[in-house]
Amino acid sequence: MDETQDRGDGDGDCDGSAEGKMEGTRVVSCERCPELCASRSRIVNGVGPTDADLCFVGEAPGAQEDAEGEPFVGRSGGVLDDVLRDVGLARADVRITNCVRCRPPDNRDPRADELEHCREYLAAELAAIAPEVLVTLGKVPAEHVLGRDVAITAEAGDVVETRIGGRPQRVLLSVHPAATLYDRSQREPFAETIERAAALAGEAVGDQSRLGEF
């Protein structure tokens, strides 16, 4: 695995680049969403190896992520870190990103237009990283990636093959790690889903992945 790591923080200023600007996998400027631009203190980009076999995608940064410039560093991030460790992985082994890179006001869910404004950034990031398995953490990212309604509790653990930005991608659906903080019954299924993600990524690498045939 390439040891090159991306850090998450980007320029937080609205600098007039309405179309947005990327450097590699990082968005360095964007003001497509006025409310998000006003709410954020910085753009929170994905972190982790730039050739990670396993990638996690959430919906948007929260207050702590906005403050630190890294996805999933709050309580739910701690849950994810713990489960990764239990399956033999460190946070530094995987890629972690979000559908939307700027904190919504009052930590609300990102709106459909905001998700669309950020879609090409996520597609470009995934194209550059080419993960074997993409794990959607929660209902919002699952629906955004698949383009359909998702009953996330019922569908958690399902594997779907889709295309993102024209590239074939294996997607594993998961509940959000925060769900395990409020509903203890979700802890075991969440851990089993992450264990399956690690196994799928490892099997795909060992078998030279046939996903390109999809």
N, C-alpha and C. Protein backbone atom coordinates (compact mmCIF):
# COMPACT_ATOMS: atom_id res chain seq x y z
N MET A 1 0.84 -1.21 0.00
CA MET A 1 0.00 0.00 0.00
C MET A 1 0.87 1.25 0.00
N ASP A 2 0.54 2.19 -0.84
CA ASP A 2 1.26 3.45 -0.92
C ASP A 2 1.15 4.19 0.40
N GLU A 3 2.26 4.66 0.92
CA GLU A 3 2.25 5.35 2.20
C GLU A 3 1.85 6.81 2.07
N THR A 4 1.66 7.28 0.83
CA THR A 4 1.24 8.67 0.64
C THR A 4 -0.11 8.88 1.29
N GLN A 5 -0.21 9.93 2.10
CA GLN A 5 -1.45 10.22 2.82
C GLN A 5 -1.93 11.62 2.46
N ASP A 6 -3.22 11.75 2.31
CA ASP A 6 -3.82 13.06 2.15
C ASP A 6 -4.27 13.55 3.51
N ARG A 7 -4.08 14.82 3.78
CA ARG A 7 -4.66 15.44 4.96
C ARG A 7 -5.97 16.09 4.56
N GLY A 8 -6.84 16.32 5.51
CA GLY A 8 -8.19 16.69 5.17
C GLY A 8 -8.47 18.16 5.01
N ASP A 9 -7.66 19.05 5.54
CA ASP A 9 -8.06 20.44 5.58
C ASP A 9 -7.84 21.13 4.25
N GLY A 10 -8.75 22.06 3.96
CA GLY A 10 -8.65 22.88 2.75
C GLY A 10 -8.89 24.33 3.12
N ASP A 11 -8.80 25.17 2.13
CA ASP A 11 -9.03 26.60 2.33
C ASP A 11 -10.48 26.84 2.72
N GLY A 12 -10.72 27.52 3.81
CA GLY A 12 -12.09 27.76 4.25
C GLY A 12 -12.70 29.03 3.69
N ASP A 13 -11.95 29.82 2.97
CA ASP A 13 -12.49 31.10 2.49
C ASP A 13 -13.28 30.92 1.21
N CYS A 14 -14.32 31.74 1.03
CA CYS A 14 -15.04 31.83 -0.23
C CYS A 14 -14.28 32.79 -1.11
N ASP A 15 -13.53 32.27 -2.08
CA ASP A 15 -12.60 33.13 -2.81
C ASP A 15 -13.06 33.47 -4.21
N GLY A 16 -14.33 33.19 -4.53
CA GLY A 16 -14.83 33.52 -5.85
C GLY A 16 -14.73 32.40 -6.86
N SER A 17 -14.17 31.23 -6.45
CA SER A 17 -14.04 30.11 -7.38
C SER A 17 -15.34 29.31 -7.38
N ALA A 18 -16.35 29.87 -8.01
CA ALA A 18 -17.69 29.26 -7.97
C ALA A 18 -17.69 27.86 -8.54
N GLU A 19 -16.82 27.60 -9.51
CA GLU A 19 -16.79 26.28 -10.12
C GLU A 19 -16.00 25.27 -9.30
N GLY A 20 -15.27 25.73 -8.34
CA GLY A 20 -14.49 24.82 -7.50
C GLY A 20 -13.16 24.46 -8.13
N LYS A 21 -12.21 24.12 -7.30
CA LYS A 21 -10.87 23.76 -7.77
C LYS A 21 -10.36 22.58 -6.97
N MET A 22 -9.84 21.56 -7.68
CA MET A 22 -9.25 20.41 -7.03
C MET A 22 -7.76 20.35 -7.34
N GLU A 23 -7.00 19.84 -6.39
CA GLU A 23 -5.59 19.51 -6.59
C GLU A 23 -5.44 18.06 -6.16
N GLY A 24 -5.30 17.18 -7.13
CA GLY A 24 -5.28 15.75 -6.82
C GLY A 24 -6.64 15.31 -6.32
N THR A 25 -6.67 14.75 -5.12
CA THR A 25 -7.95 14.32 -4.54
C THR A 25 -8.55 15.37 -3.62
N ARG A 26 -7.91 16.53 -3.50
CA ARG A 26 -8.33 17.55 -2.55
C ARG A 26 -9.06 18.69 -3.25
N VAL A 27 -10.16 19.11 -2.66
CA VAL A 27 -10.84 20.33 -3.09
C VAL A 27 -10.17 21.48 -2.35
N VAL A 28 -9.59 22.41 -3.07
CA VAL A 28 -8.86 23.49 -2.42
C VAL A 28 -9.66 24.79 -2.38
N SER A 29 -10.70 24.91 -3.21
CA SER A 29 -11.57 26.07 -3.14
C SER A 29 -12.90 25.72 -3.78
N CYS A 30 -13.97 26.25 -3.22
CA CYS A 30 -15.31 26.03 -3.78
C CYS A 30 -16.31 26.89 -3.02
N GLU A 31 -17.23 27.52 -3.75
CA GLU A 31 -18.31 28.25 -3.10
C GLU A 31 -19.64 27.99 -3.80
N ARG A 32 -19.83 26.77 -4.22
CA ARG A 32 -21.06 26.40 -4.92
C ARG A 32 -22.29 26.45 -4.00
N CYS A 33 -22.08 26.23 -2.71
CA CYS A 33 -23.21 26.15 -1.77
C CYS A 33 -23.09 27.30 -0.75
N PRO A 34 -23.82 28.39 -0.94
CA PRO A 34 -23.66 29.55 -0.06
C PRO A 34 -23.83 29.25 1.42
N GLU A 35 -24.83 28.43 1.78
CA GLU A 35 -25.04 28.14 3.20
C GLU A 35 -23.87 27.35 3.79
N LEU A 36 -23.35 26.41 3.03
CA LEU A 36 -22.22 25.62 3.54
C LEU A 36 -20.95 26.46 3.61
N CYS A 37 -20.79 27.33 2.62
CA CYS A 37 -19.62 28.20 2.62
C CYS A 37 -19.63 29.11 3.85
N ALA A 38 -20.82 29.59 4.21
CA ALA A 38 -20.94 30.46 5.38
C ALA A 38 -20.78 29.69 6.68
N SER A 39 -21.17 28.42 6.67
CA SER A 39 -21.16 27.62 7.89
C SER A 39 -19.79 27.03 8.22
N ARG A 40 -19.01 26.73 7.19
CA ARG A 40 -17.75 26.01 7.41
C ARG A 40 -16.65 26.93 7.92
N SER A 41 -15.66 26.32 8.54
CA SER A 41 -14.42 27.05 8.81
C SER A 41 -13.33 26.59 7.85
N ARG A 42 -13.56 25.47 7.20
CA ARG A 42 -12.61 24.95 6.22
C ARG A 42 -13.31 23.89 5.37
N ILE A 43 -12.69 23.52 4.26
CA ILE A 43 -13.12 22.38 3.46
C ILE A 43 -12.48 21.14 4.07
N VAL A 44 -13.29 20.14 4.36
CA VAL A 44 -12.79 18.91 4.97
C VAL A 44 -12.66 17.84 3.90
N ASN A 45 -11.44 17.58 3.48
CA ASN A 45 -11.18 16.59 2.45
C ASN A 45 -10.97 15.21 3.04
N GLY A 46 -10.96 14.21 2.16
CA GLY A 46 -10.72 12.85 2.60
C GLY A 46 -9.30 12.68 3.12
N VAL A 47 -9.12 11.67 3.96
CA VAL A 47 -7.79 11.37 4.51
C VAL A 47 -7.50 9.89 4.30
N GLY A 48 -6.22 9.57 4.30
CA GLY A 48 -5.82 8.18 4.18
C GLY A 48 -5.01 7.94 2.92
N PRO A 49 -4.56 6.71 2.72
CA PRO A 49 -3.71 6.39 1.56
C PRO A 49 -4.41 6.72 0.25
N THR A 50 -3.63 7.18 -0.70
CA THR A 50 -4.19 7.55 -1.99
C THR A 50 -4.34 6.35 -2.92
N ASP A 51 -4.04 5.14 -2.40
CA ASP A 51 -4.32 3.92 -3.17
C ASP A 51 -4.98 2.89 -2.26
N ALA A 52 -5.77 3.36 -1.31
CA ALA A 52 -6.40 2.46 -0.33
C ALA A 52 -7.32 1.46 -1.02
N ASP A 53 -7.28 0.21 -0.56
CA ASP A 53 -8.18 -0.82 -1.08
C ASP A 53 -9.57 -0.68 -0.48
N LEU A 54 -9.66 -0.06 0.69
CA LEU A 54 -10.93 0.08 1.40
C LEU A 54 -11.18 1.55 1.69
N CYS A 55 -12.36 2.03 1.27
CA CYS A 55 -12.70 3.44 1.45
C CYS A 55 -14.06 3.55 2.12
N PHE A 56 -14.18 4.46 3.07
CA PHE A 56 -15.43 4.73 3.77
C PHE A 56 -15.91 6.12 3.38
N VAL A 57 -17.22 6.25 3.16
CA VAL A 57 -17.78 7.56 2.82
C VAL A 57 -18.98 7.85 3.72
N GLY A 58 -18.94 9.00 4.38
CA GLY A 58 -20.05 9.46 5.20
C GLY A 58 -20.80 10.56 4.45
N GLU A 59 -21.66 11.28 5.19
CA GLU A 59 -22.47 12.29 4.50
C GLU A 59 -21.81 13.67 4.47
N ALA A 60 -21.34 14.18 5.61
CA ALA A 60 -20.79 15.54 5.67
C ALA A 60 -20.05 15.72 6.99
N PRO A 61 -19.15 16.69 7.07
CA PRO A 61 -18.46 16.94 8.34
C PRO A 61 -19.41 17.48 9.40
N GLY A 62 -19.15 17.13 10.64
CA GLY A 62 -19.84 17.74 11.77
C GLY A 62 -18.97 18.82 12.39
N ALA A 63 -19.34 19.29 13.56
CA ALA A 63 -18.63 20.40 14.19
C ALA A 63 -17.17 20.05 14.47
N GLN A 64 -16.93 18.86 15.02
CA GLN A 64 -15.54 18.50 15.37
C GLN A 64 -14.70 18.27 14.11
N GLU A 65 -15.31 17.66 13.11
CA GLU A 65 -14.59 17.45 11.85
C GLU A 65 -14.23 18.79 11.20
N ASP A 66 -15.16 19.73 11.26
CA ASP A 66 -14.91 21.07 10.72
C ASP A 66 -13.78 21.75 11.48
N ALA A 67 -13.75 21.55 12.79
CA ALA A 67 -12.72 22.19 13.61
C ALA A 67 -11.33 21.59 13.35
N GLU A 68 -11.28 20.25 13.16
CA GLU A 68 -10.00 19.57 13.03
C GLU A 68 -9.58 19.35 11.58
N GLY A 69 -10.53 19.49 10.64
CA GLY A 69 -10.18 19.32 9.24
C GLY A 69 -10.00 17.89 8.80
N GLU A 70 -10.69 16.96 9.48
CA GLU A 70 -10.56 15.53 9.14
C GLU A 70 -11.89 14.84 9.36
N PRO A 71 -12.29 13.96 8.43
CA PRO A 71 -13.58 13.27 8.59
C PRO A 71 -13.57 12.27 9.75
N PHE A 72 -14.72 12.10 10.39
CA PHE A 72 -14.93 11.07 11.40
C PHE A 72 -13.88 11.11 12.52
N VAL A 73 -13.80 12.24 13.19
CA VAL A 73 -12.91 12.35 14.34
C VAL A 73 -13.69 12.54 15.65
N GLY A 74 -15.01 12.58 15.57
CA GLY A 74 -15.83 12.70 16.78
C GLY A 74 -16.11 11.34 17.38
N ARG A 75 -17.22 11.23 18.13
CA ARG A 75 -17.58 9.98 18.80
C ARG A 75 -17.81 8.85 17.80
N SER A 76 -18.47 9.16 16.69
CA SER A 76 -18.71 8.11 15.70
C SER A 76 -17.40 7.67 15.06
N GLY A 77 -16.46 8.59 14.92
CA GLY A 77 -15.15 8.22 14.41
C GLY A 77 -14.43 7.28 15.35
N GLY A 78 -14.63 7.49 16.65
CA GLY A 78 -14.03 6.59 17.63
C GLY A 78 -14.58 5.18 17.50
N VAL A 79 -15.89 5.08 17.24
CA VAL A 79 -16.50 3.76 17.02
C VAL A 79 -15.88 3.09 15.81
N LEU A 80 -15.75 3.85 14.72
CA LEU A 80 -15.14 3.29 13.50
C LEU A 80 -13.71 2.85 13.76
N ASP A 81 -12.94 3.66 14.44
CA ASP A 81 -11.55 3.32 14.75
C ASP A 81 -11.47 2.02 15.56
N ASP A 82 -12.36 1.88 16.55
CA ASP A 82 -12.34 0.69 17.40
C ASP A 82 -12.65 -0.57 16.59
N VAL A 83 -13.65 -0.49 15.72
CA VAL A 83 -14.03 -1.66 14.94
C VAL A 83 -12.94 -2.00 13.92
N LEU A 84 -12.35 -0.99 13.31
CA LEU A 84 -11.23 -1.25 12.41
C LEU A 84 -10.10 -1.98 13.13
N ARG A 85 -9.79 -1.53 14.33
CA ARG A 85 -8.73 -2.18 15.10
C ARG A 85 -9.09 -3.64 15.40
N ASP A 86 -10.36 -3.89 15.68
CA ASP A 86 -10.80 -5.26 15.99
C ASP A 86 -10.63 -6.21 14.81
N VAL A 87 -10.69 -5.66 13.58
CA VAL A 87 -10.53 -6.53 12.41
C VAL A 87 -9.10 -6.47 11.86
N GLY A 88 -8.21 -5.86 12.61
CA GLY A 88 -6.80 -5.86 12.24
C GLY A 88 -6.35 -4.72 11.36
N LEU A 89 -7.15 -3.64 11.31
CA LEU A 89 -6.78 -2.49 10.50
C LEU A 89 -6.61 -1.25 11.36
N ALA A 90 -5.76 -0.35 10.93
CA ALA A 90 -5.62 0.95 11.57
C ALA A 90 -6.31 1.99 10.71
N ARG A 91 -6.65 3.11 11.31
CA ARG A 91 -7.26 4.21 10.56
C ARG A 91 -6.38 4.61 9.37
N ALA A 92 -5.08 4.54 9.57
CA ALA A 92 -4.14 4.94 8.52
C ALA A 92 -4.13 3.98 7.34
N ASP A 93 -4.76 2.80 7.48
CA ASP A 93 -4.78 1.82 6.40
C ASP A 93 -5.90 2.06 5.39
N VAL A 94 -6.89 2.88 5.76
CA VAL A 94 -8.08 3.04 4.93
C VAL A 94 -8.27 4.49 4.53
N ARG A 95 -9.09 4.69 3.52
CA ARG A 95 -9.46 6.04 3.10
C ARG A 95 -10.79 6.39 3.74
N ILE A 96 -10.92 7.61 4.23
CA ILE A 96 -12.17 8.07 4.85
C ILE A 96 -12.51 9.43 4.25
N THR A 97 -13.72 9.56 3.74
CA THR A 97 -14.13 10.80 3.09
C THR A 97 -15.62 11.03 3.32
N ASN A 98 -16.17 12.06 2.70
CA ASN A 98 -17.59 12.39 2.82
C ASN A 98 -18.16 12.76 1.46
N CYS A 99 -19.47 12.63 1.33
CA CYS A 99 -20.16 13.06 0.11
C CYS A 99 -20.09 14.57 -0.07
N VAL A 100 -20.21 15.29 1.05
CA VAL A 100 -20.15 16.75 1.07
C VAL A 100 -18.98 17.16 1.96
N ARG A 101 -18.20 18.13 1.54
CA ARG A 101 -16.94 18.43 2.23
C ARG A 101 -17.00 19.64 3.15
N CYS A 102 -18.17 20.24 3.27
CA CYS A 102 -18.30 21.40 4.14
C CYS A 102 -19.43 21.17 5.14
N ARG A 103 -19.24 21.64 6.36
CA ARG A 103 -20.21 21.40 7.42
C ARG A 103 -21.53 22.13 7.16
N PRO A 104 -22.66 21.41 7.13
CA PRO A 104 -23.96 22.06 7.03
C PRO A 104 -24.30 22.82 8.31
N PRO A 105 -25.05 23.90 8.23
CA PRO A 105 -25.44 24.65 9.43
C PRO A 105 -26.17 23.76 10.43
N ASP A 106 -25.82 23.92 11.70
CA ASP A 106 -26.47 23.18 12.78
C ASP A 106 -26.40 21.67 12.59
N ASN A 107 -25.39 21.22 11.84
CA ASN A 107 -25.19 19.79 11.59
C ASN A 107 -26.39 19.11 10.93
N ARG A 108 -27.16 19.87 10.16
CA ARG A 108 -28.28 19.27 9.44
C ARG A 108 -27.75 18.36 8.34
N ASP A 109 -28.64 17.50 7.80
CA ASP A 109 -28.26 16.68 6.65
C ASP A 109 -28.01 17.59 5.45
N PRO A 110 -27.06 17.23 4.60
CA PRO A 110 -26.88 18.01 3.37
C PRO A 110 -28.10 17.89 2.47
N ARG A 111 -28.44 18.97 1.80
CA ARG A 111 -29.58 18.96 0.88
C ARG A 111 -29.18 18.32 -0.45
N ALA A 112 -30.21 17.99 -1.23
CA ALA A 112 -29.96 17.32 -2.52
C ALA A 112 -29.07 18.15 -3.42
N ASP A 113 -29.28 19.47 -3.46
CA ASP A 113 -28.47 20.31 -4.34
C ASP A 113 -27.02 20.37 -3.86
N GLU A 114 -26.82 20.34 -2.55
CA GLU A 114 -25.47 20.37 -2.00
C GLU A 114 -24.73 19.06 -2.31
N LEU A 115 -25.44 17.96 -2.21
CA LEU A 115 -24.86 16.67 -2.58
C LEU A 115 -24.47 16.67 -4.06
N GLU A 116 -25.32 17.21 -4.90
CA GLU A 116 -25.02 17.25 -6.33
C GLU A 116 -23.82 18.14 -6.64
N HIS A 117 -23.72 19.25 -5.93
CA HIS A 117 -22.59 20.16 -6.16
C HIS A 117 -21.26 19.49 -5.84
N CYS A 118 -21.27 18.54 -4.93
CA CYS A 118 -20.04 17.86 -4.50
C CYS A 118 -19.83 16.52 -5.21
N ARG A 119 -20.80 16.09 -6.01
CA ARG A 119 -20.74 14.75 -6.60
C ARG A 119 -19.46 14.53 -7.41
N GLU A 120 -19.11 15.50 -8.23
CA GLU A 120 -17.94 15.30 -9.10
C GLU A 120 -16.65 15.22 -8.29
N TYR A 121 -16.61 15.88 -7.13
CA TYR A 121 -15.42 15.79 -6.28
C TYR A 121 -15.24 14.37 -5.74
N LEU A 122 -16.34 13.78 -5.28
CA LEU A 122 -16.27 12.41 -4.78
C LEU A 122 -15.90 11.45 -5.90
N ALA A 123 -16.51 11.63 -7.08
CA ALA A 123 -16.20 10.75 -8.20
C ALA A 123 -14.73 10.85 -8.59
N ALA A 124 -14.19 12.06 -8.58
CA ALA A 124 -12.78 12.25 -8.94
C ALA A 124 -11.87 11.62 -7.89
N GLU A 125 -12.23 11.76 -6.63
CA GLU A 125 -11.44 11.16 -5.55
C GLU A 125 -11.43 9.64 -5.68
N LEU A 126 -12.60 9.05 -5.90
CA LEU A 126 -12.68 7.59 -6.03
C LEU A 126 -11.97 7.10 -7.28
N ALA A 127 -12.04 7.86 -8.36
CA ALA A 127 -11.33 7.47 -9.58
C ALA A 127 -9.83 7.44 -9.36
N ALA A 128 -9.32 8.41 -8.58
CA ALA A 128 -7.89 8.49 -8.31
C ALA A 128 -7.43 7.37 -7.38
N ILE A 129 -8.26 7.05 -6.39
CA ILE A 129 -7.88 6.05 -5.38
C ILE A 129 -8.18 4.63 -5.86
N ALA A 130 -9.28 4.46 -6.59
CA ALA A 130 -9.71 3.16 -7.11
C ALA A 130 -9.78 2.10 -6.02
N PRO A 131 -10.60 2.33 -4.98
CA PRO A 131 -10.69 1.33 -3.90
C PRO A 131 -11.39 0.06 -4.39
N GLU A 132 -11.01 -1.06 -3.83
CA GLU A 132 -11.69 -2.31 -4.16
C GLU A 132 -13.10 -2.32 -3.59
N VAL A 133 -13.27 -1.75 -2.40
CA VAL A 133 -14.57 -1.73 -1.74
C VAL A 133 -14.83 -0.33 -1.18
N LEU A 134 -16.03 0.19 -1.47
CA LEU A 134 -16.47 1.47 -0.91
C LEU A 134 -17.59 1.17 0.09
N VAL A 135 -17.40 1.59 1.33
CA VAL A 135 -18.41 1.37 2.37
C VAL A 135 -19.15 2.68 2.62
N THR A 136 -20.46 2.67 2.40
CA THR A 136 -21.27 3.86 2.67
C THR A 136 -21.74 3.80 4.12
N LEU A 137 -21.44 4.83 4.87
CA LEU A 137 -21.76 4.87 6.30
C LEU A 137 -23.03 5.68 6.53
N GLY A 138 -24.16 5.00 6.50
CA GLY A 138 -25.43 5.66 6.74
C GLY A 138 -26.30 5.75 5.51
N LYS A 139 -27.53 6.19 5.73
CA LYS A 139 -28.55 6.26 4.68
C LYS A 139 -28.22 7.30 3.60
N VAL A 140 -27.79 8.49 4.01
CA VAL A 140 -27.56 9.57 3.04
C VAL A 140 -26.49 9.18 2.01
N PRO A 141 -25.30 8.74 2.43
CA PRO A 141 -24.31 8.38 1.41
C PRO A 141 -24.72 7.17 0.57
N ALA A 142 -25.44 6.22 1.18
CA ALA A 142 -25.89 5.06 0.41
C ALA A 142 -26.82 5.49 -0.71
N GLU A 143 -27.79 6.35 -0.40
CA GLU A 143 -28.73 6.82 -1.41
C GLU A 143 -28.05 7.69 -2.45
N HIS A 144 -27.08 8.49 -2.01
CA HIS A 144 -26.36 9.37 -2.94
C HIS A 144 -25.54 8.55 -3.93
N VAL A 145 -24.84 7.55 -3.44
CA VAL A 145 -23.98 6.73 -4.30
C VAL A 145 -24.80 5.85 -5.24
N LEU A 146 -25.88 5.26 -4.73
CA LEU A 146 -26.65 4.31 -5.52
C LEU A 146 -27.74 4.98 -6.35
N GLY A 147 -28.14 6.21 -5.97
CA GLY A 147 -29.17 6.91 -6.72
C GLY A 147 -30.55 6.32 -6.55
N ARG A 148 -30.84 5.79 -5.38
CA ARG A 148 -32.16 5.22 -5.09
C ARG A 148 -32.42 5.28 -3.60
N ASP A 149 -33.69 5.04 -3.22
CA ASP A 149 -34.02 4.95 -1.81
C ASP A 149 -33.36 3.71 -1.20
N VAL A 150 -32.88 3.86 0.02
CA VAL A 150 -32.24 2.74 0.72
C VAL A 150 -32.84 2.61 2.12
N ALA A 151 -33.30 1.41 2.46
CA ALA A 151 -33.74 1.10 3.82
C ALA A 151 -32.50 0.59 4.54
N ILE A 152 -31.73 1.51 5.11
CA ILE A 152 -30.37 1.19 5.51
C ILE A 152 -30.28 0.10 6.58
N THR A 153 -31.20 0.09 7.53
CA THR A 153 -31.13 -0.96 8.56
C THR A 153 -31.34 -2.33 7.94
N ALA A 154 -32.30 -2.42 7.03
CA ALA A 154 -32.59 -3.71 6.38
C ALA A 154 -31.51 -4.11 5.39
N GLU A 155 -30.91 -3.13 4.71
CA GLU A 155 -29.95 -3.43 3.65
C GLU A 155 -28.50 -3.43 4.11
N ALA A 156 -28.25 -3.07 5.36
CA ALA A 156 -26.87 -3.05 5.87
C ALA A 156 -26.24 -4.42 5.69
N GLY A 157 -25.02 -4.43 5.17
CA GLY A 157 -24.31 -5.67 4.90
C GLY A 157 -24.44 -6.13 3.47
N ASP A 158 -25.36 -5.53 2.71
CA ASP A 158 -25.53 -5.90 1.30
C ASP A 158 -24.38 -5.32 0.46
N VAL A 159 -24.01 -6.06 -0.56
CA VAL A 159 -22.99 -5.61 -1.51
C VAL A 159 -23.66 -5.33 -2.85
N VAL A 160 -23.39 -4.15 -3.39
CA VAL A 160 -23.99 -3.73 -4.65
C VAL A 160 -22.88 -3.32 -5.61
N GLU A 161 -22.97 -3.76 -6.85
CA GLU A 161 -22.02 -3.32 -7.85
C GLU A 161 -22.67 -2.21 -8.68
N THR A 162 -21.99 -1.08 -8.75
CA THR A 162 -22.54 0.08 -9.45
C THR A 162 -21.42 0.75 -10.23
N ARG A 163 -21.73 1.90 -10.79
CA ARG A 163 -20.71 2.69 -11.48
C ARG A 163 -20.73 4.09 -10.91
N ILE A 164 -19.55 4.62 -10.65
CA ILE A 164 -19.41 5.99 -10.13
C ILE A 164 -18.48 6.74 -11.06
N GLY A 165 -18.99 7.79 -11.66
CA GLY A 165 -18.18 8.54 -12.61
C GLY A 165 -17.69 7.68 -13.76
N GLY A 166 -18.50 6.68 -14.16
CA GLY A 166 -18.13 5.81 -15.26
C GLY A 166 -17.25 4.64 -14.87
N ARG A 167 -16.84 4.58 -13.60
CA ARG A 167 -15.95 3.52 -13.14
C ARG A 167 -16.75 2.48 -12.34
N PRO A 168 -16.53 1.17 -12.57
CA PRO A 168 -17.21 0.15 -11.78
C PRO A 168 -16.75 0.20 -10.33
N GLN A 169 -17.69 0.01 -9.42
CA GLN A 169 -17.35 0.10 -8.01
C GLN A 169 -18.20 -0.87 -7.20
N ARG A 170 -17.57 -1.66 -6.36
CA ARG A 170 -18.27 -2.51 -5.41
C ARG A 170 -18.57 -1.69 -4.16
N VAL A 171 -19.84 -1.66 -3.76
CA VAL A 171 -20.29 -0.84 -2.63
C VAL A 171 -20.89 -1.75 -1.57
N LEU A 172 -20.46 -1.57 -0.34
CA LEU A 172 -21.00 -2.30 0.81
C LEU A 172 -21.77 -1.31 1.68
N LEU A 173 -23.04 -1.59 1.90
CA LEU A 173 -23.89 -0.69 2.67
C LEU A 173 -23.73 -0.95 4.16
N SER A 174 -23.68 0.13 4.95
CA SER A 174 -23.52 0.01 6.40
C SER A 174 -24.34 1.09 7.09
N VAL A 175 -24.78 0.80 8.30
CA VAL A 175 -25.35 1.85 9.13
C VAL A 175 -24.24 2.82 9.51
N HIS A 176 -24.62 4.00 9.92
CA HIS A 176 -23.64 4.98 10.40
C HIS A 176 -23.13 4.53 11.77
N PRO A 177 -21.83 4.69 12.03
CA PRO A 177 -21.33 4.28 13.35
C PRO A 177 -22.03 4.96 14.51
N ALA A 178 -22.58 6.17 14.29
CA ALA A 178 -23.31 6.85 15.37
C ALA A 178 -24.53 6.06 15.80
N ALA A 179 -25.07 5.25 14.88
CA ALA A 179 -26.25 4.44 15.23
C ALA A 179 -25.95 3.50 16.38
N THR A 180 -24.71 3.06 16.47
CA THR A 180 -24.34 2.12 17.54
C THR A 180 -24.27 2.80 18.90
N LEU A 181 -24.16 4.14 18.90
CA LEU A 181 -24.11 4.88 20.16
C LEU A 181 -25.50 5.02 20.77
N TYR A 182 -26.52 5.01 19.91
CA TYR A 182 -27.89 5.23 20.37
C TYR A 182 -28.72 3.95 20.40
N ASP A 183 -28.25 2.94 19.72
CA ASP A 183 -28.95 1.66 19.67
C ASP A 183 -27.92 0.54 19.78
N ARG A 184 -27.78 -0.02 20.96
CA ARG A 184 -26.75 -1.03 21.19
C ARG A 184 -26.93 -2.26 20.32
N SER A 185 -28.16 -2.50 19.86
CA SER A 185 -28.39 -3.66 19.03
C SER A 185 -27.71 -3.55 17.67
N GLN A 186 -27.30 -2.33 17.32
CA GLN A 186 -26.62 -2.12 16.04
C GLN A 186 -25.12 -2.39 16.10
N ARG A 187 -24.59 -2.58 17.29
CA ARG A 187 -23.14 -2.70 17.43
C ARG A 187 -22.59 -3.95 16.75
N GLU A 188 -23.22 -5.08 17.01
CA GLU A 188 -22.72 -6.31 16.40
C GLU A 188 -22.89 -6.31 14.89
N PRO A 189 -24.05 -5.93 14.34
CA PRO A 189 -24.17 -5.88 12.88
C PRO A 189 -23.17 -4.92 12.23
N PHE A 190 -22.92 -3.78 12.89
CA PHE A 190 -21.95 -2.83 12.34
C PHE A 190 -20.56 -3.46 12.29
N ALA A 191 -20.17 -4.11 13.37
CA ALA A 191 -18.86 -4.76 13.41
C ALA A 191 -18.76 -5.85 12.34
N GLU A 192 -19.83 -6.60 12.16
CA GLU A 192 -19.82 -7.66 11.14
C GLU A 192 -19.71 -7.08 9.74
N THR A 193 -20.34 -5.93 9.51
CA THR A 193 -20.25 -5.29 8.20
C THR A 193 -18.83 -4.83 7.91
N ILE A 194 -18.18 -4.23 8.90
CA ILE A 194 -16.80 -3.76 8.70
C ILE A 194 -15.86 -4.95 8.53
N GLU A 195 -16.11 -6.02 9.25
CA GLU A 195 -15.30 -7.23 9.07
C GLU A 195 -15.47 -7.77 7.64
N ARG A 196 -16.69 -7.74 7.14
CA ARG A 196 -16.92 -8.20 5.77
C ARG A 196 -16.23 -7.28 4.77
N ALA A 197 -16.26 -5.99 5.02
CA ALA A 197 -15.59 -5.04 4.13
C ALA A 197 -14.10 -5.33 4.03
N ALA A 198 -13.47 -5.58 5.18
CA ALA A 198 -12.04 -5.88 5.20
C ALA A 198 -11.75 -7.17 4.44
N ALA A 199 -12.63 -8.17 4.62
CA ALA A 199 -12.43 -9.44 3.94
C ALA A 199 -12.60 -9.28 2.43
N LEU A 200 -13.63 -8.55 2.01
CA LEU A 200 -13.86 -8.34 0.59
C LEU A 200 -12.70 -7.61 -0.08
N ALA A 201 -12.20 -6.60 0.59
CA ALA A 201 -11.09 -5.84 0.03
C ALA A 201 -9.85 -6.73 -0.11
N GLY A 202 -9.61 -7.55 0.91
CA GLY A 202 -8.46 -8.45 0.87
C GLY A 202 -8.60 -9.51 -0.21
N GLU A 203 -9.81 -10.08 -0.36
CA GLU A 203 -10.05 -11.09 -1.37
C GLU A 203 -9.89 -10.51 -2.76
N ALA A 204 -10.40 -9.29 -2.96
CA ALA A 204 -10.33 -8.66 -4.28
C ALA A 204 -8.89 -8.42 -4.69
N VAL A 205 -8.07 -7.98 -3.73
CA VAL A 205 -6.66 -7.73 -4.03
C VAL A 205 -5.95 -9.03 -4.36
N GLY A 206 -6.24 -10.07 -3.56
CA GLY A 206 -5.59 -11.36 -3.77
C GLY A 206 -6.01 -12.02 -5.07
N ASP A 207 -7.22 -11.72 -5.53
CA ASP A 207 -7.76 -12.33 -6.75
C ASP A 207 -7.67 -11.39 -7.95
N GLN A 208 -6.92 -10.29 -7.78
CA GLN A 208 -6.75 -9.30 -8.85
C GLN A 208 -8.08 -8.72 -9.32
N SER A 209 -9.11 -8.79 -8.51
CA SER A 209 -10.43 -8.20 -8.73
C SER A 209 -10.94 -8.28 -10.18
N ARG A 210 -12.11 -8.89 -10.31
CA ARG A 210 -12.73 -8.98 -11.61
C ARG A 210 -13.84 -7.92 -11.77
N LEU A 211 -13.84 -6.91 -10.93
CA LEU A 211 -14.91 -5.92 -10.97
C LEU A 211 -14.88 -5.15 -12.29
N GLY A 212 -13.73 -5.07 -12.93
CA GLY A 212 -13.63 -4.35 -14.20
C GLY A 212 -14.50 -4.94 -15.29
N GLU A 213 -14.94 -6.20 -15.10
CA GLU A 213 -15.82 -6.83 -16.09
C GLU A 213 -17.24 -6.31 -15.97
N PHE A 214 -17.56 -5.65 -14.83
CA PHE A 214 -18.94 -5.18 -14.60
C PHE A 214 -19.28 -4.04 -15.53
